[in-house]
Amino acid sequence: PPKQSFLGINQFAYRSVDLRAEWDPAVGGGLRLGIIGEAFNVFNFANNSCFDTWSGTLDSPNANFLKPSCQFNTRRYQVGARISF
């Protein structure tokens, strides 16, 4: 895949900024209840994938040769909980 710029460096074919936040308060008796929030690919960079590698034939070249047909690691969010003792 073609290289893209990230943080001023033009050498990345895959880019993602992920964030995670946790809150883990004590609820008593040595028990803790944690809440977790995560965001993946926060800036929604286009990480192309599924490149068509079939070049076709001499009579009928493939117009989609080396073009992506899907994206990997699109933006998504996740929430979770944790109990520890």
PDB file of N, CA and C in Angstrom:
ATOM      1  N   PRO A   1       0.827  -1.205   0.000  1.00  0.00           N
ATOM      2  CA  PRO A   1       0.000   0.000   0.000  1.00  0.00           C
ATOM      3  C   PRO A   1       0.867   1.264   0.000  1.00  0.00           C
ATOM      4  N   PRO A   2       0.354   2.347  -0.530  1.00  0.00           N
ATOM      5  CA  PRO A   2       1.127   3.586  -0.541  1.00  0.00           C
ATOM      6  C   PRO A   2       1.365   4.094   0.876  1.00  0.00           C
ATOM      7  N   LYS A   3       2.491   4.763   1.065  1.00  0.00           N
ATOM      8  CA  LYS A   3       2.847   5.291   2.382  1.00  0.00           C
ATOM      9  C   LYS A   3       2.146   6.617   2.625  1.00  0.00           C
ATOM     10  N   GLN A   4       1.737   6.832   3.872  1.00  0.00           N
ATOM     11  CA  GLN A   4       1.027   8.041   4.280  1.00  0.00           C
ATOM     12  C   GLN A   4       1.852   8.768   5.340  1.00  0.00           C
ATOM     13  N   SER A   5       1.549  10.028   5.549  1.00  0.00           N
ATOM     14  CA  SER A   5       2.229  10.805   6.568  1.00  0.00           C
ATOM     15  C   SER A   5       1.517  10.656   7.906  1.00  0.00           C
ATOM     16  N   PHE A   6       2.308  10.515   8.974  1.00  0.00           N
ATOM     17  CA  PHE A   6       1.795  10.424  10.338  1.00  0.00           C
ATOM     18  C   PHE A   6       2.837  11.025  11.262  1.00  0.00           C
ATOM     19  N   LEU A   7       2.437  12.036  12.024  1.00  0.00           N
ATOM     20  CA  LEU A   7       3.342  12.762  12.919  1.00  0.00           C
ATOM     21  C   LEU A   7       4.539  13.344  12.156  1.00  0.00           C
ATOM     22  N   GLY A   8       4.292  13.757  10.931  1.00  0.00           N
ATOM     23  CA  GLY A   8       5.327  14.387  10.117  1.00  0.00           C
ATOM     24  C   GLY A   8       6.280  13.419   9.439  1.00  0.00           C
ATOM     25  N   ILE A   9       6.059  12.129   9.583  1.00  0.00           N
ATOM     26  CA  ILE A   9       6.921  11.122   8.964  1.00  0.00           C
ATOM     27  C   ILE A   9       6.126  10.445   7.854  1.00  0.00           C
ATOM     28  N   ASN A  10       6.631  10.490   6.641  1.00  0.00           N
ATOM     29  CA  ASN A  10       5.924   9.942   5.485  1.00  0.00           C
ATOM     30  C   ASN A  10       6.382   8.509   5.200  1.00  0.00           C
ATOM     31  N   GLN A  11       6.218   7.608   6.169  1.00  0.00           N
ATOM     32  CA  GLN A  11       6.685   6.237   6.005  1.00  0.00           C
ATOM     33  C   GLN A  11       5.670   5.193   6.465  1.00  0.00           C
ATOM     34  N   PHE A  12       4.426   5.592   6.698  1.00  0.00           N
ATOM     35  CA  PHE A  12       3.462   4.661   7.273  1.00  0.00           C
ATOM     36  C   PHE A  12       2.408   4.235   6.263  1.00  0.00           C
ATOM     37  N   ALA A  13       2.223   2.919   6.115  1.00  0.00           N
ATOM     38  CA  ALA A  13       1.146   2.396   5.287  1.00  0.00           C
ATOM     39  C   ALA A  13      -0.076   2.089   6.139  1.00  0.00           C
ATOM     40  N   TYR A  14       0.121   2.007   7.437  1.00  0.00           N
ATOM     41  CA  TYR A  14      -0.954   1.691   8.377  1.00  0.00           C
ATOM     42  C   TYR A  14      -0.877   2.702   9.521  1.00  0.00           C
ATOM     43  N   ARG A  15      -1.995   3.377   9.840  1.00  0.00           N
ATOM     44  CA  ARG A  15      -1.997   4.392  10.902  1.00  0.00           C
ATOM     45  C   ARG A  15      -3.202   4.192  11.800  1.00  0.00           C
ATOM     46  N   SER A  16      -2.971   4.338  13.108  1.00  0.00           N
ATOM     47  CA  SER A  16      -4.055   4.225  14.073  1.00  0.00           C
ATOM     48  C   SER A  16      -3.646   4.911  15.364  1.00  0.00           C
ATOM     49  N   VAL A  17      -4.562   5.670  15.943  1.00  0.00           N
ATOM     50  CA  VAL A  17      -4.375   6.258  17.268  1.00  0.00           C
ATOM     51  C   VAL A  17      -5.477   5.678  18.141  1.00  0.00           C
ATOM     52  N   ASP A  18      -5.077   4.973  19.206  1.00  0.00           N
ATOM     53  CA  ASP A  18      -6.020   4.311  20.098  1.00  0.00           C
ATOM     54  C   ASP A  18      -5.956   4.959  21.479  1.00  0.00           C
ATOM     55  N   LEU A  19      -7.087   5.047  22.153  1.00  0.00           N
ATOM     56  CA  LEU A  19      -7.155   5.628  23.497  1.00  0.00           C
ATOM     57  C   LEU A  19      -7.864   4.661  24.436  1.00  0.00           C
ATOM     58  N   ARG A  20      -7.461   4.707  25.711  1.00  0.00           N
ATOM     59  CA  ARG A  20      -8.095   3.862  26.730  1.00  0.00           C
ATOM     60  C   ARG A  20      -8.191   4.676  28.014  1.00  0.00           C
ATOM     61  N   ALA A  21      -9.355   4.629  28.661  1.00  0.00           N
ATOM     62  CA  ALA A  21      -9.563   5.306  29.943  1.00  0.00           C
ATOM     63  C   ALA A  21     -10.162   4.296  30.917  1.00  0.00           C
ATOM     64  N   GLU A  22      -9.655   4.321  32.149  1.00  0.00           N
ATOM     65  CA  GLU A  22     -10.156   3.421  33.183  1.00  0.00           C
ATOM     66  C   GLU A  22     -10.500   4.201  34.436  1.00  0.00           C
ATOM     67  N   TRP A  23     -11.532   3.757  35.116  1.00  0.00           N
ATOM     68  CA  TRP A  23     -11.908   4.303  36.414  1.00  0.00           C
ATOM     69  C   TRP A  23     -12.140   3.107  37.307  1.00  0.00           C
ATOM     70  N   ASP A  24     -11.399   3.020  38.405  1.00  0.00           N
ATOM     71  CA  ASP A  24     -11.370   1.824  39.232  1.00  0.00           C
ATOM     72  C   ASP A  24     -11.543   2.180  40.712  1.00  0.00           C
ATOM     73  N   PRO A  25     -12.743   2.623  41.140  1.00  0.00           N
ATOM     74  CA  PRO A  25     -12.934   3.016  42.537  1.00  0.00           C
ATOM     75  C   PRO A  25     -13.163   1.805  43.457  1.00  0.00           C
ATOM     76  N   ALA A  26     -12.777   1.969  44.710  1.00  0.00           N
ATOM     77  CA  ALA A  26     -13.055   0.941  45.716  1.00  0.00           C
ATOM     78  C   ALA A  26     -14.514   1.094  46.162  1.00  0.00           C
ATOM     79  N   VAL A  27     -15.225  -0.027  46.288  1.00  0.00           N
ATOM     80  CA  VAL A  27     -16.616   0.025  46.718  1.00  0.00           C
ATOM     81  C   VAL A  27     -16.797  -0.529  48.125  1.00  0.00           C
ATOM     82  N   GLY A  28     -15.723  -0.993  48.751  1.00  0.00           N
ATOM     83  CA  GLY A  28     -15.772  -1.471  50.135  1.00  0.00           C
ATOM     84  C   GLY A  28     -15.412  -2.936  50.257  1.00  0.00           C
ATOM     85  N   GLY A  29     -14.884  -3.301  51.418  1.00  0.00           N
ATOM     86  CA  GLY A  29     -14.541  -4.696  51.681  1.00  0.00           C
ATOM     87  C   GLY A  29     -13.465  -5.246  50.765  1.00  0.00           C
ATOM     88  N   GLY A  30     -12.564  -4.395  50.265  1.00  0.00           N
ATOM     89  CA  GLY A  30     -11.514  -4.842  49.350  1.00  0.00           C
ATOM     90  C   GLY A  30     -12.002  -5.081  47.928  1.00  0.00           C
ATOM     91  N   LEU A  31     -13.232  -4.726  47.648  1.00  0.00           N
ATOM     92  CA  LEU A  31     -13.825  -4.915  46.317  1.00  0.00           C
ATOM     93  C   LEU A  31     -13.678  -3.636  45.506  1.00  0.00           C
ATOM     94  N   ARG A  32     -13.300  -3.785  44.242  1.00  0.00           N
ATOM     95  CA  ARG A  32     -13.168  -2.645  43.325  1.00  0.00           C
ATOM     96  C   ARG A  32     -14.011  -2.925  42.086  1.00  0.00           C
ATOM     97  N   LEU A  33     -14.676  -1.904  41.615  1.00  0.00           N
ATOM     98  CA  LEU A  33     -15.491  -2.013  40.412  1.00  0.00           C
ATOM     99  C   LEU A  33     -14.904  -1.071  39.373  1.00  0.00           C
ATOM    100  N   GLY A  34     -14.431  -1.619  38.271  1.00  0.00           N
ATOM    101  CA  GLY A  34     -13.780  -0.814  37.238  1.00  0.00           C
ATOM    102  C   GLY A  34     -14.644  -0.639  36.008  1.00  0.00           C
ATOM    103  N   ILE A  35     -14.571   0.543  35.430  1.00  0.00           N
ATOM    104  CA  ILE A  35     -15.249   0.845  34.165  1.00  0.00           C
ATOM    105  C   ILE A  35     -14.164   1.229  33.167  1.00  0.00           C
ATOM    106  N   ILE A  36     -14.227   0.663  31.988  1.00  0.00           N
ATOM    107  CA  ILE A  36     -13.195   0.852  30.973  1.00  0.00           C
ATOM    108  C   ILE A  36     -13.840   1.335  29.685  1.00  0.00           C
ATOM    109  N   GLY A  37     -13.259   2.360  29.077  1.00  0.00           N
ATOM    110  CA  GLY A  37     -13.708   2.838  27.778  1.00  0.00           C
ATOM    111  C   GLY A  37     -12.526   2.882  26.822  1.00  0.00           C
ATOM    112  N   GLU A  38     -12.712   2.389  25.608  1.00  0.00           N
ATOM    113  CA  GLU A  38     -11.641   2.369  24.620  1.00  0.00           C
ATOM    114  C   GLU A  38     -12.152   2.903  23.285  1.00  0.00           C
ATOM    115  N   ALA A  39     -11.267   3.565  22.574  1.00  0.00           N
ATOM    116  CA  ALA A  39     -11.557   4.039  21.216  1.00  0.00           C
ATOM    117  C   ALA A  39     -10.386   3.616  20.333  1.00  0.00           C
ATOM    118  N   PHE A  40     -10.689   2.994  19.221  1.00  0.00           N
ATOM    119  CA  PHE A  40      -9.667   2.522  18.296  1.00  0.00           C
ATOM    120  C   PHE A  40      -9.739   3.319  16.993  1.00  0.00           C
ATOM    121  N   ASN A  41      -8.580   3.671  16.456  1.00  0.00           N
ATOM    122  CA  ASN A  41      -8.464   4.470  15.228  1.00  0.00           C
ATOM    123  C   ASN A  41      -9.301   5.749  15.359  1.00  0.00           C
ATOM    124  N   VAL A  42      -8.992   6.527  16.383  1.00  0.00           N
ATOM    125  CA  VAL A  42      -9.752   7.726  16.748  1.00  0.00           C
ATOM    126  C   VAL A  42      -9.912   8.697  15.576  1.00  0.00           C
ATOM    127  N   PHE A  43      -8.884   8.869  14.770  1.00  0.00           N
ATOM    128  CA  PHE A  43      -8.944   9.813  13.655  1.00  0.00           C
ATOM    129  C   PHE A  43      -9.482   9.181  12.380  1.00  0.00           C
ATOM    130  N   ASN A  44      -9.915   7.923  12.460  1.00  0.00           N
ATOM    131  CA  ASN A  44     -10.526   7.208  11.343  1.00  0.00           C
ATOM    132  C   ASN A  44      -9.661   7.208  10.081  1.00  0.00           C
ATOM    133  N   PHE A  45      -8.372   6.897  10.254  1.00  0.00           N
ATOM    134  CA  PHE A  45      -7.474   6.794   9.111  1.00  0.00           C
ATOM    135  C   PHE A  45      -7.936   5.652   8.208  1.00  0.00           C
ATOM    136  N   ALA A  46      -7.801   5.825   6.906  1.00  0.00           N
ATOM    137  CA  ALA A  46      -8.167   4.779   5.942  1.00  0.00           C
ATOM    138  C   ALA A  46      -6.999   3.798   5.843  1.00  0.00           C
ATOM    139  N   ASN A  47      -7.126   2.656   6.484  1.00  0.00           N
ATOM    140  CA  ASN A  47      -6.116   1.607   6.427  1.00  0.00           C
ATOM    141  C   ASN A  47      -6.596   0.564   5.431  1.00  0.00           C
ATOM    142  N   ASN A  48      -6.249   0.779   4.179  1.00  0.00           N
ATOM    143  CA  ASN A  48      -6.745  -0.062   3.098  1.00  0.00           C
ATOM    144  C   ASN A  48      -6.172  -1.467   3.164  1.00  0.00           C
ATOM    145  N   SER A  49      -6.962  -2.415   2.682  1.00  0.00           N
ATOM    146  CA  SER A  49      -6.572  -3.818   2.700  1.00  0.00           C
ATOM    147  C   SER A  49      -7.252  -4.526   1.533  1.00  0.00           C
ATOM    148  N   CYS A  50      -7.106  -5.830   1.451  1.00  0.00           N
ATOM    149  CA  CYS A  50      -7.732  -6.661   0.408  1.00  0.00           C
ATOM    150  C   CYS A  50      -7.349  -6.180  -0.997  1.00  0.00           C
ATOM    151  N   PHE A  51      -6.062  -5.990  -1.232  1.00  0.00           N
ATOM    152  CA  PHE A  51      -5.595  -5.518  -2.533  1.00  0.00           C
ATOM    153  C   PHE A  51      -5.751  -6.622  -3.572  1.00  0.00           C
ATOM    154  N   ASP A  52      -6.284  -6.263  -4.728  1.00  0.00           N
ATOM    155  CA  ASP A  52      -6.486  -7.213  -5.815  1.00  0.00           C
ATOM    156  C   ASP A  52      -5.136  -7.465  -6.485  1.00  0.00           C
ATOM    157  N   THR A  53      -4.637  -8.686  -6.397  1.00  0.00           N
ATOM    158  CA  THR A  53      -3.306  -9.000  -6.938  1.00  0.00           C
ATOM    159  C   THR A  53      -3.353  -9.771  -8.254  1.00  0.00           C
ATOM    160  N   TRP A  54      -4.553  -9.989  -8.784  1.00  0.00           N
ATOM    161  CA  TRP A  54      -4.642 -10.662 -10.073  1.00  0.00           C
ATOM    162  C   TRP A  54      -4.533  -9.615 -11.173  1.00  0.00           C
ATOM    163  N   SER A  55      -3.522  -9.722 -12.010  1.00  0.00           N
ATOM    164  CA  SER A  55      -3.271  -8.701 -13.035  1.00  0.00           C
ATOM    165  C   SER A  55      -4.119  -8.871 -14.285  1.00  0.00           C
ATOM    166  N   GLY A  56      -4.771 -10.000 -14.424  1.00  0.00           N
ATOM    167  CA  GLY A  56      -5.577 -10.244 -15.615  1.00  0.00           C
ATOM    168  C   GLY A  56      -4.763 -10.943 -16.683  1.00  0.00           C
ATOM    169  N   THR A  57      -5.260 -10.878 -17.909  1.00  0.00           N
ATOM    170  CA  THR A  57      -4.554 -11.490 -19.039  1.00  0.00           C
ATOM    171  C   THR A  57      -4.143 -10.397 -20.009  1.00  0.00           C
ATOM    172  N   LEU A  58      -3.373 -10.757 -21.012  1.00  0.00           N
ATOM    173  CA  LEU A  58      -2.944  -9.768 -22.001  1.00  0.00           C
ATOM    174  C   LEU A  58      -4.139  -9.179 -22.752  1.00  0.00           C
ATOM    175  N   ASP A  59      -5.150 -10.031 -23.072  1.00  0.00           N
ATOM    176  CA  ASP A  59      -6.324  -9.524 -23.793  1.00  0.00           C
ATOM    177  C   ASP A  59      -7.256  -8.737 -22.881  1.00  0.00           C
ATOM    178  N   SER A  60      -7.244  -9.061 -21.582  1.00  0.00           N
ATOM    179  CA  SER A  60      -8.198  -8.457 -20.660  1.00  0.00           C
ATOM    180  C   SER A  60      -7.512  -8.135 -19.323  1.00  0.00           C
ATOM    181  N   PRO A  61      -6.780  -7.021 -19.258  1.00  0.00           N
ATOM    182  CA  PRO A  61      -6.115  -6.669 -17.993  1.00  0.00           C
ATOM    183  C   PRO A  61      -7.143  -6.303 -16.916  1.00  0.00           C
ATOM    184  N   ASN A  62      -6.804  -6.584 -15.686  1.00  0.00           N
ATOM    185  CA  ASN A  62      -7.683  -6.313 -14.555  1.00  0.00           C
ATOM    186  C   ASN A  62      -7.614  -4.816 -14.205  1.00  0.00           C
ATOM    187  N   ALA A  63      -8.722  -4.109 -14.332  1.00  0.00           N
ATOM    188  CA  ALA A  63      -8.760  -2.668 -14.038  1.00  0.00           C
ATOM    189  C   ALA A  63      -8.590  -2.383 -12.548  1.00  0.00           C
ATOM    190  N   ASN A  64      -8.827  -3.378 -11.691  1.00  0.00           N
ATOM    191  CA  ASN A  64      -8.710  -3.192 -10.244  1.00  0.00           C
ATOM    192  C   ASN A  64      -7.394  -3.713  -9.673  1.00  0.00           C
ATOM    193  N   PHE A  65      -6.425  -3.982 -10.528  1.00  0.00           N
ATOM    194  CA  PHE A  65      -5.139  -4.515 -10.088  1.00  0.00           C
ATOM    195  C   PHE A  65      -4.486  -3.569  -9.081  1.00  0.00           C
ATOM    196  N   LEU A  66      -4.111  -4.109  -7.921  1.00  0.00           N
ATOM    197  CA  LEU A  66      -3.469  -3.401  -6.803  1.00  0.00           C
ATOM    198  C   LEU A  66      -4.337  -2.315  -6.162  1.00  0.00           C
ATOM    199  N   LYS A  67      -5.641  -2.358  -6.388  1.00  0.00           N
ATOM    200  CA  LYS A  67      -6.552  -1.421  -5.719  1.00  0.00           C
ATOM    201  C   LYS A  67      -7.184  -2.116  -4.519  1.00  0.00           C
ATOM    202  N   PRO A  68      -7.384  -1.382  -3.410  1.00  0.00           N
ATOM    203  CA  PRO A  68      -7.992  -2.001  -2.228  1.00  0.00           C
ATOM    204  C   PRO A  68      -9.500  -2.172  -2.397  1.00  0.00           C
ATOM    205  N   SER A  69     -10.044  -3.207  -1.756  1.00  0.00           N
ATOM    206  CA  SER A  69     -11.491  -3.412  -1.809  1.00  0.00           C
ATOM    207  C   SER A  69     -12.112  -3.451  -0.407  1.00  0.00           C
ATOM    208  N   CYS A  70     -11.304  -3.244   0.634  1.00  0.00           N
ATOM    209  CA  CYS A  70     -11.831  -3.179   1.998  1.00  0.00           C
ATOM    210  C   CYS A  70     -10.877  -2.361   2.871  1.00  0.00           C
ATOM    211  N   GLN A  71     -11.309  -2.078   4.089  1.00  0.00           N
ATOM    212  CA  GLN A  71     -10.473  -1.347   5.040  1.00  0.00           C
ATOM    213  C   GLN A  71     -10.303  -2.161   6.306  1.00  0.00           C
ATOM    214  N   PHE A  72      -9.137  -2.032   6.906  1.00  0.00           N
ATOM    215  CA  PHE A  72      -8.799  -2.727   8.135  1.00  0.00           C
ATOM    216  C   PHE A  72      -8.772  -1.726   9.284  1.00  0.00           C
ATOM    217  N   ASN A  73      -9.240  -2.119  10.434  1.00  0.00           N
ATOM    218  CA  ASN A  73      -9.188  -1.302  11.650  1.00  0.00           C
ATOM    219  C   ASN A  73      -9.912   0.031  11.487  1.00  0.00           C
ATOM    220  N   THR A  74     -11.178  -0.023  11.134  1.00  0.00           N
ATOM    221  CA  THR A  74     -11.968   1.202  11.061  1.00  0.00           C
ATOM    222  C   THR A  74     -12.266   1.702  12.473  1.00  0.00           C
ATOM    223  N   ARG A  75     -12.732   2.936  12.587  1.00  0.00           N
ATOM    224  CA  ARG A  75     -13.001   3.512  13.902  1.00  0.00           C
ATOM    225  C   ARG A  75     -14.054   2.695  14.641  1.00  0.00           C
ATOM    226  N   ARG A  76     -13.786   2.431  15.935  1.00  0.00           N
ATOM    227  CA  ARG A  76     -14.752   1.708  16.757  1.00  0.00           C
ATOM    228  C   ARG A  76     -14.539   2.046  18.223  1.00  0.00           C
ATOM    229  N   TYR A  77     -15.561   1.795  19.025  1.00  0.00           N
ATOM    230  CA  TYR A  77     -15.550   2.094  20.451  1.00  0.00           C
ATOM    231  C   TYR A  77     -15.910   0.842  21.230  1.00  0.00           C
ATOM    232  N   GLN A  78     -15.452   0.797  22.481  1.00  0.00           N
ATOM    233  CA  GLN A  78     -15.715  -0.367  23.307  1.00  0.00           C
ATOM    234  C   GLN A  78     -15.816   0.076  24.767  1.00  0.00           C
ATOM    235  N   VAL A  79     -16.758  -0.489  25.488  1.00  0.00           N
ATOM    236  CA  VAL A  79     -16.945  -0.203  26.906  1.00  0.00           C
ATOM    237  C   VAL A  79     -16.952  -1.529  27.647  1.00  0.00           C
ATOM    238  N   GLY A  80     -16.300  -1.559  28.815  1.00  0.00           N
ATOM    239  CA  GLY A  80     -16.254  -2.795  29.585  1.00  0.00           C
ATOM    240  C   GLY A  80     -16.299  -2.520  31.078  1.00  0.00           C
ATOM    241  N   ALA A  81     -16.428  -3.573  31.847  1.00  0.00           N
ATOM    242  CA  ALA A  81     -16.448  -3.477  33.304  1.00  0.00           C
ATOM    243  C   ALA A  81     -15.557  -4.573  33.877  1.00  0.00           C
ATOM    244  N   ARG A  82     -15.048  -4.294  35.090  1.00  0.00           N
ATOM    245  CA  ARG A  82     -14.180  -5.257  35.750  1.00  0.00           C
ATOM    246  C   ARG A  82     -14.447  -5.233  37.248  1.00  0.00           C
ATOM    247  N   ILE A  83     -14.501  -6.387  37.852  1.00  0.00           N
ATOM    248  CA  ILE A  83     -14.631  -6.501  39.299  1.00  0.00           C
ATOM    249  C   ILE A  83     -13.365  -7.179  39.810  1.00  0.00           C
ATOM    250  N   SER A  84     -12.715  -6.576  40.789  1.00  0.00           N
ATOM    251  CA  SER A  84     -11.519  -7.189  41.366  1.00  0.00           C
ATOM    252  C   SER A  84     -11.630  -7.187  42.878  1.00  0.00           C
ATOM    253  N   PHE A  85     -11.011  -8.178  43.492  1.00  0.00           N
ATOM    254  CA  PHE A  85     -11.038  -8.305  44.952  1.00  0.00           C
ATOM    255  C   PHE A  85      -9.752  -8.894  45.447  1.00  0.00           C
TER     256      PHE A  85
END
